[in-house]
Amino acid sequence: MTHTQPHDPGEAPRTPEAFEAALCEVGRARYHAHHPFHARLHNGELSKGQVQAWALNRYCYQAAIPRKDAALIARTDDAELRRHWRRRLADHDGDHPGDGGLARWLHLVHGLGLDPAVVRAQTLALPTVRFACDAYVRFVAERSLVEAVASSLTELFAPALIADRIAGMLRNYDFVDEDTLVYFDARLNEAPRDAEAALSYVTRHAITREQQDAAIAALHFKCDVLWAILDALDYAYVAPGNIPPGAFDPAGSTAHAG
């Protein structure tokens, strides 16, 4: 569900600087870097099983990214936008088997002691996580192109979180090493590049106040998706610890590598 503000049809559009500032304010207030689960993850407060649960469930989001990117490409006649978004697809899917972000995430789960084939099937993921990821794909497929592109702007805020994650996990978990976390090395370069291109598109095409408000609401929605994923993880695996039937259970799951 998107968050919209009452709109005055006569209200003047924001200046490009004010519009960009409004988008950045969404990240300051709503980005999932502020979620308590991330603090626990980075500070070494989670057990190995809880870290495994995070990685297994996060794969649902990783797998949704190329699906939503393909949906966006299929909708636009803008060749420049398609060229940029094709690069995003290649980043995640790779150019051959074993390449790309999805393969690197499966390398991460294997390094944590999980079976990549089981993780890839997503059958042990939390229902809320699956629903949130599917909602993100539908949003990109159904909303305006400006809203679809704006929803990706969480990448503006990702590099600082990724840097904290790499440092914190290497410092605090003896079952994690640099090779396990190689996925994040690539994202430190890809996320700023992608965010810059997306921000340029949104600021050039959201020219009315209504379009700007819709773009800001789209970024609200994406932040809500990411927050909901961590809420579900926290509820199931931290407190109160209510794991839904059929979901990954660190104490006795078939997801562990043999």
C-alpha atoms as a PDB file:
ATOM      1  CA  MET A   1       0.000   0.000   0.000  1.00  0.00           C
ATOM      2  CA  THR A   2       1.450   3.347  -1.031  1.00  0.00           C
ATOM      3  CA  HIS A   3       1.420   6.461   1.100  1.00  0.00           C
ATOM      4  CA  THR A   4      -0.053   9.505  -0.587  1.00  0.00           C
ATOM      5  CA  GLN A   5      -0.561  13.027   0.663  1.00  0.00           C
ATOM      6  CA  PRO A   6      -3.585  15.184  -0.128  1.00  0.00           C
ATOM      7  CA  HIS A   7      -2.803  16.865  -3.435  1.00  0.00           C
ATOM      8  CA  ASP A   8      -3.657  20.390  -4.486  1.00  0.00           C
ATOM      9  CA  PRO A   9      -3.942  20.426  -8.317  1.00  0.00           C
ATOM     10  CA  GLY A  10      -2.701  24.005  -8.307  1.00  0.00           C
ATOM     11  CA  GLU A  11       0.369  23.313  -6.224  1.00  0.00           C
ATOM     12  CA  ALA A  12       3.607  24.177  -7.992  1.00  0.00           C
ATOM     13  CA  PRO A  13       6.131  21.414  -8.661  1.00  0.00           C
ATOM     14  CA  ARG A  14       9.192  21.250  -6.466  1.00  0.00           C
ATOM     15  CA  THR A  15      12.460  22.516  -7.840  1.00  0.00           C
ATOM     16  CA  PRO A  16      14.816  19.676  -8.887  1.00  0.00           C
ATOM     17  CA  GLU A  17      16.879  20.329  -5.755  1.00  0.00           C
ATOM     18  CA  ALA A  18      13.847  20.254  -3.465  1.00  0.00           C
ATOM     19  CA  PHE A  19      12.521  17.132  -5.175  1.00  0.00           C
ATOM     20  CA  GLU A  20      15.807  15.298  -4.724  1.00  0.00           C
ATOM     21  CA  ALA A  21      15.925  16.423  -1.101  1.00  0.00           C
ATOM     22  CA  ALA A  22      12.404  15.070  -0.535  1.00  0.00           C
ATOM     23  CA  LEU A  23      13.438  11.695  -1.965  1.00  0.00           C
ATOM     24  CA  CYS A  24      16.535  11.596   0.230  1.00  0.00           C
ATOM     25  CA  GLU A  25      14.409  12.431   3.268  1.00  0.00           C
ATOM     26  CA  VAL A  26      12.445   9.232   2.637  1.00  0.00           C
ATOM     27  CA  GLY A  27      15.657   7.271   3.042  1.00  0.00           C
ATOM     28  CA  ARG A  28      16.656   9.160   6.177  1.00  0.00           C
ATOM     29  CA  ALA A  29      13.317   8.402   7.815  1.00  0.00           C
ATOM     30  CA  ARG A  30      12.273   5.043   6.373  1.00  0.00           C
ATOM     31  CA  TYR A  31      15.176   3.023   4.965  1.00  0.00           C
ATOM     32  CA  HIS A  32      15.548  -0.403   6.539  1.00  0.00           C
ATOM     33  CA  ALA A  33      19.076   0.413   7.674  1.00  0.00           C
ATOM     34  CA  HIS A  34      17.299   1.739  10.779  1.00  0.00           C
ATOM     35  CA  HIS A  35      15.548  -1.562  11.536  1.00  0.00           C
ATOM     36  CA  PRO A  36      16.615  -3.225  14.826  1.00  0.00           C
ATOM     37  CA  PHE A  37      17.224  -6.519  13.003  1.00  0.00           C
ATOM     38  CA  HIS A  38      20.050  -4.917  11.021  1.00  0.00           C
ATOM     39  CA  ALA A  39      21.639  -3.628  14.213  1.00  0.00           C
ATOM     40  CA  ARG A  40      21.552  -7.160  15.625  1.00  0.00           C
ATOM     41  CA  LEU A  41      22.945  -8.620  12.399  1.00  0.00           C
ATOM     42  CA  HIS A  42      25.829  -6.184  12.155  1.00  0.00           C
ATOM     43  CA  ASN A  43      26.665  -6.169  15.865  1.00  0.00           C
ATOM     44  CA  GLY A  44      27.080  -9.927  16.124  1.00  0.00           C
ATOM     45  CA  GLU A  45      23.948 -10.429  18.234  1.00  0.00           C
ATOM     46  CA  LEU A  46      22.443 -13.188  16.067  1.00  0.00           C
ATOM     47  CA  SER A  47      23.136 -16.903  16.173  1.00  0.00           C
ATOM     48  CA  LYS A  48      24.336 -18.690  13.054  1.00  0.00           C
ATOM     49  CA  GLY A  49      20.821 -20.069  12.590  1.00  0.00           C
ATOM     50  CA  GLN A  50      19.350 -16.576  12.673  1.00  0.00           C
ATOM     51  CA  VAL A  51      21.894 -15.353  10.114  1.00  0.00           C
ATOM     52  CA  GLN A  52      20.998 -18.355   7.959  1.00  0.00           C
ATOM     53  CA  ALA A  53      17.324 -17.412   8.226  1.00  0.00           C
ATOM     54  CA  TRP A  54      18.151 -13.876   7.067  1.00  0.00           C
ATOM     55  CA  ALA A  55      20.132 -15.122   4.063  1.00  0.00           C
ATOM     56  CA  LEU A  56      17.522 -17.705   3.064  1.00  0.00           C
ATOM     57  CA  ASN A  57      14.654 -15.228   3.211  1.00  0.00           C
ATOM     58  CA  ARG A  58      16.605 -12.386   1.625  1.00  0.00           C
ATOM     59  CA  TYR A  59      17.082 -14.613  -1.429  1.00  0.00           C
ATOM     60  CA  CYS A  60      13.385 -14.088  -2.209  1.00  0.00           C
ATOM     61  CA  TYR A  61      14.102 -10.380  -2.596  1.00  0.00           C
ATOM     62  CA  GLN A  62      17.246 -11.017  -4.638  1.00  0.00           C
ATOM     63  CA  ALA A  63      15.266 -13.270  -6.977  1.00  0.00           C
ATOM     64  CA  ALA A  64      12.512 -10.665  -7.321  1.00  0.00           C
ATOM     65  CA  ILE A  65      14.919  -7.977  -8.557  1.00  0.00           C
ATOM     66  CA  PRO A  66      15.520  -9.349 -12.087  1.00  0.00           C
ATOM     67  CA  ARG A  67      11.818 -10.183 -12.388  1.00  0.00           C
ATOM     68  CA  LYS A  68      10.813  -6.595 -11.665  1.00  0.00           C
ATOM     69  CA  ASP A  69      13.592  -5.315 -13.926  1.00  0.00           C
ATOM     70  CA  ALA A  70      12.357  -7.471 -16.797  1.00  0.00           C
ATOM     71  CA  ALA A  71       8.805  -6.241 -16.182  1.00  0.00           C
ATOM     72  CA  LEU A  72       9.991  -2.634 -16.414  1.00  0.00           C
ATOM     73  CA  ILE A  73      11.931  -3.256 -19.637  1.00  0.00           C
ATOM     74  CA  ALA A  74       8.877  -4.827 -21.259  1.00  0.00           C
ATOM     75  CA  ARG A  75       6.798  -1.709 -20.615  1.00  0.00           C
ATOM     76  CA  THR A  76       8.926   1.089 -22.028  1.00  0.00           C
ATOM     77  CA  ASP A  77       9.588   2.436 -25.507  1.00  0.00           C
ATOM     78  CA  ASP A  78      12.523   4.460 -24.166  1.00  0.00           C
ATOM     79  CA  ALA A  79      15.617   2.789 -25.641  1.00  0.00           C
ATOM     80  CA  GLU A  80      17.966   4.618 -23.270  1.00  0.00           C
ATOM     81  CA  LEU A  81      16.018   3.384 -20.260  1.00  0.00           C
ATOM     82  CA  ARG A  82      15.975  -0.162 -21.650  1.00  0.00           C
ATOM     83  CA  ARG A  83      19.738  -0.112 -22.208  1.00  0.00           C
ATOM     84  CA  HIS A  84      20.335   0.906 -18.612  1.00  0.00           C
ATOM     85  CA  TRP A  85      17.901  -1.642 -17.236  1.00  0.00           C
ATOM     86  CA  ARG A  86      19.399  -4.452 -19.360  1.00  0.00           C
ATOM     87  CA  ARG A  87      22.632  -3.826 -17.511  1.00  0.00           C
ATOM     88  CA  ARG A  88      20.774  -4.305 -14.228  1.00  0.00           C
ATOM     89  CA  LEU A  89      19.483  -7.653 -15.473  1.00  0.00           C
ATOM     90  CA  ALA A  90      22.997  -8.748 -16.383  1.00  0.00           C
ATOM     91  CA  ASP A  91      24.260  -7.649 -12.964  1.00  0.00           C
ATOM     92  CA  HIS A  92      21.825  -9.998 -11.226  1.00  0.00           C
ATOM     93  CA  ASP A  93      21.373 -12.850 -13.709  1.00  0.00           C
ATOM     94  CA  GLY A  94      24.898 -12.800 -15.124  1.00  0.00           C
ATOM     95  CA  ASP A  95      25.878 -13.480 -18.719  1.00  0.00           C
ATOM     96  CA  HIS A  96      26.364 -17.211 -18.172  1.00  0.00           C
ATOM     97  CA  PRO A  97      25.520 -19.809 -15.483  1.00  0.00           C
ATOM     98  CA  GLY A  98      27.308 -19.181 -12.215  1.00  0.00           C
ATOM     99  CA  ASP A  99      27.740 -15.464 -12.881  1.00  0.00           C
ATOM    100  CA  GLY A 100      25.884 -12.448 -11.478  1.00  0.00           C
ATOM    101  CA  GLY A 101      24.351 -11.345  -8.227  1.00  0.00           C
ATOM    102  CA  LEU A 102      21.944 -14.243  -7.787  1.00  0.00           C
ATOM    103  CA  ALA A 103      24.781 -16.747  -8.127  1.00  0.00           C
ATOM    104  CA  ARG A 104      26.847 -14.752  -5.636  1.00  0.00           C
ATOM    105  CA  TRP A 105      23.960 -14.761  -3.159  1.00  0.00           C
ATOM    106  CA  LEU A 106      23.684 -18.547  -3.487  1.00  0.00           C
ATOM    107  CA  HIS A 107      27.438 -18.656  -2.853  1.00  0.00           C
ATOM    108  CA  LEU A 108      26.741 -16.708   0.345  1.00  0.00           C
ATOM    109  CA  VAL A 109      24.074 -19.140   1.549  1.00  0.00           C
ATOM    110  CA  HIS A 110      26.350 -22.078   0.778  1.00  0.00           C
ATOM    111  CA  GLY A 111      29.091 -20.422   2.815  1.00  0.00           C
ATOM    112  CA  LEU A 112      26.612 -20.199   5.700  1.00  0.00           C
ATOM    113  CA  GLY A 113      25.956 -23.945   5.527  1.00  0.00           C
ATOM    114  CA  LEU A 114      22.696 -23.963   3.575  1.00  0.00           C
ATOM    115  CA  ASP A 115      21.774 -25.969   0.484  1.00  0.00           C
ATOM    116  CA  PRO A 116      21.571 -23.487  -2.429  1.00  0.00           C
ATOM    117  CA  ALA A 117      19.008 -25.619  -4.263  1.00  0.00           C
ATOM    118  CA  VAL A 118      16.643 -25.496  -1.295  1.00  0.00           C
ATOM    119  CA  VAL A 119      17.142 -21.749  -0.887  1.00  0.00           C
ATOM    120  CA  ARG A 120      16.533 -21.202  -4.618  1.00  0.00           C
ATOM    121  CA  ALA A 121      13.179 -23.006  -4.376  1.00  0.00           C
ATOM    122  CA  GLN A 122      11.988 -20.436  -1.773  1.00  0.00           C
ATOM    123  CA  THR A 123       9.621 -22.978  -0.213  1.00  0.00           C
ATOM    124  CA  LEU A 124      11.069 -22.447   3.280  1.00  0.00           C
ATOM    125  CA  ALA A 125      10.868 -18.649   3.159  1.00  0.00           C
ATOM    126  CA  LEU A 126       8.481 -16.782   5.432  1.00  0.00           C
ATOM    127  CA  PRO A 127       5.049 -16.108   3.873  1.00  0.00           C
ATOM    128  CA  THR A 128       5.288 -12.377   4.602  1.00  0.00           C
ATOM    129  CA  VAL A 129       8.627 -12.196   2.795  1.00  0.00           C
ATOM    130  CA  ARG A 130       7.267 -13.950  -0.287  1.00  0.00           C
ATOM    131  CA  PHE A 131       4.165 -11.741  -0.331  1.00  0.00           C
ATOM    132  CA  ALA A 132       6.208  -8.547   0.052  1.00  0.00           C
ATOM    133  CA  CYS A 133       8.548  -9.480  -2.789  1.00  0.00           C
ATOM    134  CA  ASP A 134       5.657 -10.388  -5.092  1.00  0.00           C
ATOM    135  CA  ALA A 135       3.993  -7.067  -4.245  1.00  0.00           C
ATOM    136  CA  TYR A 136       7.152  -5.247  -5.323  1.00  0.00           C
ATOM    137  CA  VAL A 137       7.197  -7.026  -8.701  1.00  0.00           C
ATOM    138  CA  ARG A 138       3.499  -6.232  -9.249  1.00  0.00           C
ATOM    139  CA  PHE A 139       4.050  -2.588  -8.312  1.00  0.00           C
ATOM    140  CA  VAL A 140       6.752  -2.169 -10.946  1.00  0.00           C
ATOM    141  CA  ALA A 141       4.664  -3.975 -13.549  1.00  0.00           C
ATOM    142  CA  GLU A 142       1.488  -1.977 -12.936  1.00  0.00           C
ATOM    143  CA  ARG A 143       2.358   1.562 -11.872  1.00  0.00           C
ATOM    144  CA  SER A 144       3.619   4.421 -14.048  1.00  0.00           C
ATOM    145  CA  LEU A 145       7.202   4.223 -15.291  1.00  0.00           C
ATOM    146  CA  VAL A 146       8.174   7.146 -13.072  1.00  0.00           C
ATOM    147  CA  GLU A 147       6.825   5.301 -10.033  1.00  0.00           C
ATOM    148  CA  ALA A 148       8.455   2.042 -11.127  1.00  0.00           C
ATOM    149  CA  VAL A 149      11.853   3.685 -11.518  1.00  0.00           C
ATOM    150  CA  ALA A 150      11.452   5.717  -8.313  1.00  0.00           C
ATOM    151  CA  SER A 151      10.839   2.541  -6.323  1.00  0.00           C
ATOM    152  CA  SER A 152      14.419   1.493  -7.089  1.00  0.00           C
ATOM    153  CA  LEU A 153      15.863   4.590  -5.431  1.00  0.00           C
ATOM    154  CA  THR A 154      16.522   2.766  -2.178  1.00  0.00           C
ATOM    155  CA  GLU A 155      19.865   2.178  -3.927  1.00  0.00           C
ATOM    156  CA  LEU A 156      20.697   5.768  -3.019  1.00  0.00           C
ATOM    157  CA  PHE A 157      20.973   4.668   0.595  1.00  0.00           C
ATOM    158  CA  ALA A 158      22.446   1.183   0.126  1.00  0.00           C
ATOM    159  CA  PRO A 159      26.239   1.768   0.010  1.00  0.00           C
ATOM    160  CA  ALA A 160      26.537   2.905   3.637  1.00  0.00           C
ATOM    161  CA  LEU A 161      24.445  -0.046   4.809  1.00  0.00           C
ATOM    162  CA  ILE A 162      26.484  -2.496   2.734  1.00  0.00           C
ATOM    163  CA  ALA A 163      29.763  -1.142   4.085  1.00  0.00           C
ATOM    164  CA  ASP A 164      28.465  -1.487   7.657  1.00  0.00           C
ATOM    165  CA  ARG A 165      27.281  -5.015   6.920  1.00  0.00           C
ATOM    166  CA  ILE A 166      30.593  -6.189   5.511  1.00  0.00           C
ATOM    167  CA  ALA A 167      32.607  -4.699   8.380  1.00  0.00           C
ATOM    168  CA  GLY A 168      30.213  -5.829  11.096  1.00  0.00           C
ATOM    169  CA  MET A 169      29.765  -9.386   9.901  1.00  0.00           C
ATOM    170  CA  LEU A 170      33.480  -9.935   9.318  1.00  0.00           C
ATOM    171  CA  ARG A 171      34.234  -8.539  12.774  1.00  0.00           C
ATOM    172  CA  ASN A 172      31.570 -10.413  14.701  1.00  0.00           C
ATOM    173  CA  TYR A 173      30.983 -13.834  13.107  1.00  0.00           C
ATOM    174  CA  ASP A 174      33.677 -16.483  12.894  1.00  0.00           C
ATOM    175  CA  PHE A 175      31.594 -18.436  10.368  1.00  0.00           C
ATOM    176  CA  VAL A 176      31.761 -15.573   7.829  1.00  0.00           C
ATOM    177  CA  ASP A 177      34.745 -14.564   5.698  1.00  0.00           C
ATOM    178  CA  GLU A 178      35.398 -12.201   2.787  1.00  0.00           C
ATOM    179  CA  ASP A 179      34.696 -14.907   0.220  1.00  0.00           C
ATOM    180  CA  THR A 180      31.271 -15.576   1.744  1.00  0.00           C
ATOM    181  CA  LEU A 181      30.357 -11.885   1.430  1.00  0.00           C
ATOM    182  CA  VAL A 182      31.640 -11.355  -2.121  1.00  0.00           C
ATOM    183  CA  TYR A 183      28.106 -10.449  -3.281  1.00  0.00           C
ATOM    184  CA  PHE A 184      28.340  -7.141  -1.456  1.00  0.00           C
ATOM    185  CA  ASP A 185      31.651  -6.118  -3.034  1.00  0.00           C
ATOM    186  CA  ALA A 186      30.009  -5.803  -6.443  1.00  0.00           C
ATOM    187  CA  ARG A 187      27.008  -3.939  -5.044  1.00  0.00           C
ATOM    188  CA  LEU A 188      29.250  -1.233  -3.598  1.00  0.00           C
ATOM    189  CA  ASN A 189      29.940  -0.217  -7.213  1.00  0.00           C
ATOM    190  CA  GLU A 190      26.668  -1.179  -8.882  1.00  0.00           C
ATOM    191  CA  ALA A 191      24.244   0.492  -6.462  1.00  0.00           C
ATOM    192  CA  PRO A 192      25.628   4.062  -6.788  1.00  0.00           C
ATOM    193  CA  ARG A 193      25.773   3.750 -10.582  1.00  0.00           C
ATOM    194  CA  ASP A 194      22.207   2.485 -10.789  1.00  0.00           C
ATOM    195  CA  ALA A 195      20.909   5.040  -8.294  1.00  0.00           C
ATOM    196  CA  GLU A 196      22.447   7.925 -10.226  1.00  0.00           C
ATOM    197  CA  ALA A 197      20.792   6.826 -13.477  1.00  0.00           C
ATOM    198  CA  ALA A 198      17.421   6.209 -11.818  1.00  0.00           C
ATOM    199  CA  LEU A 199      17.483   9.540  -9.990  1.00  0.00           C
ATOM    200  CA  SER A 200      18.273  11.329 -13.240  1.00  0.00           C
ATOM    201  CA  TYR A 201      15.319   9.633 -14.945  1.00  0.00           C
ATOM    202  CA  VAL A 202      12.886  10.418 -12.138  1.00  0.00           C
ATOM    203  CA  THR A 203      13.893  14.070 -11.792  1.00  0.00           C
ATOM    204  CA  ARG A 204      13.636  14.569 -15.570  1.00  0.00           C
ATOM    205  CA  HIS A 205      10.252  12.863 -15.968  1.00  0.00           C
ATOM    206  CA  ALA A 206       8.416  13.754 -12.754  1.00  0.00           C
ATOM    207  CA  ILE A 207       7.721  17.331 -13.772  1.00  0.00           C
ATOM    208  CA  THR A 208       4.353  18.017 -12.147  1.00  0.00           C
ATOM    209  CA  ARG A 209       3.708  18.126  -8.413  1.00  0.00           C
ATOM    210  CA  GLU A 210       1.397  15.111  -8.775  1.00  0.00           C
ATOM    211  CA  GLN A 211       4.103  13.073 -10.521  1.00  0.00           C
ATOM    212  CA  GLN A 212       6.654  14.081  -7.904  1.00  0.00           C
ATOM    213  CA  ASP A 213       4.315  13.094  -5.079  1.00  0.00           C
ATOM    214  CA  ALA A 214       3.718   9.743  -6.792  1.00  0.00           C
ATOM    215  CA  ALA A 215       7.466   9.141  -7.065  1.00  0.00           C
ATOM    216  CA  ILE A 216       7.964   9.924  -3.382  1.00  0.00           C
ATOM    217  CA  ALA A 217       5.095   7.587  -2.490  1.00  0.00           C
ATOM    218  CA  ALA A 218       6.680   4.862  -4.638  1.00  0.00           C
ATOM    219  CA  LEU A 219       9.879   5.165  -2.645  1.00  0.00           C
ATOM    220  CA  HIS A 220       7.808   4.997   0.569  1.00  0.00           C
ATOM    221  CA  PHE A 221       6.304   1.763  -0.732  1.00  0.00           C
ATOM    222  CA  LYS A 222       9.688   0.226  -1.511  1.00  0.00           C
ATOM    223  CA  CYS A 223      10.974   1.132   1.946  1.00  0.00           C
ATOM    224  CA  ASP A 224       7.866  -0.526   3.388  1.00  0.00           C
ATOM    225  CA  VAL A 225       8.642  -3.705   1.421  1.00  0.00           C
ATOM    226  CA  LEU A 226      12.157  -3.872   2.833  1.00  0.00           C
ATOM    227  CA  TRP A 227      10.960  -3.042   6.357  1.00  0.00           C
ATOM    228  CA  ALA A 228       8.255  -5.726   6.198  1.00  0.00           C
ATOM    229  CA  ILE A 229      10.863  -8.344   5.310  1.00  0.00           C
ATOM    230  CA  LEU A 230      12.889  -7.494   8.422  1.00  0.00           C
ATOM    231  CA  ASP A 231       9.761  -7.307  10.585  1.00  0.00           C
ATOM    232  CA  ALA A 232       8.906 -10.849   9.505  1.00  0.00           C
ATOM    233  CA  LEU A 233      12.440 -12.079  10.249  1.00  0.00           C
ATOM    234  CA  ASP A 234      12.473 -10.388  13.646  1.00  0.00           C
ATOM    235  CA  TYR A 235       9.086 -11.832  14.627  1.00  0.00           C
ATOM    236  CA  ALA A 236       9.878 -15.364  13.488  1.00  0.00           C
ATOM    237  CA  TYR A 237      13.520 -15.712  14.527  1.00  0.00           C
ATOM    238  CA  VAL A 238      14.210 -13.181  17.303  1.00  0.00           C
ATOM    239  CA  ALA A 239      11.162 -12.268  19.384  1.00  0.00           C
ATOM    240  CA  PRO A 240       8.729 -13.768  20.071  1.00  0.00           C
ATOM    241  CA  GLY A 241      10.196 -16.463  17.816  1.00  0.00           C
ATOM    242  CA  ASN A 242       7.003 -17.686  16.170  1.00  0.00           C
ATOM    243  CA  ILE A 243       8.197 -19.565  13.087  1.00  0.00           C
ATOM    244  CA  PRO A 244       5.259 -20.288  10.728  1.00  0.00           C
ATOM    245  CA  PRO A 245       4.549 -23.929   9.849  1.00  0.00           C
ATOM    246  CA  GLY A 246       6.691 -25.056   6.946  1.00  0.00           C
ATOM    247  CA  ALA A 247       9.191 -22.191   7.190  1.00  0.00           C
ATOM    248  CA  PHE A 248      12.911 -22.561   7.776  1.00  0.00           C
ATOM    249  CA  ASP A 249      13.710 -23.706  11.309  1.00  0.00           C
ATOM    250  CA  PRO A 250      17.383 -23.362  12.245  1.00  0.00           C
ATOM    251  CA  ALA A 251      17.045 -26.145  14.777  1.00  0.00           C
ATOM    252  CA  GLY A 252      16.130 -28.846  12.293  1.00  0.00           C
ATOM    253  CA  SER A 253      15.751 -27.770   8.704  1.00  0.00           C
ATOM    254  CA  THR A 254      16.315 -29.685   5.491  1.00  0.00           C
ATOM    255  CA  ALA A 255      17.865 -26.475   4.123  1.00  0.00           C
ATOM    256  CA  HIS A 256      21.199 -27.262   5.780  1.00  0.00           C
ATOM    257  CA  ALA A 257      23.857 -28.438   3.350  1.00  0.00           C
ATOM    258  CA  GLY A 258      24.679 -32.107   3.537  1.00  0.00           C
END
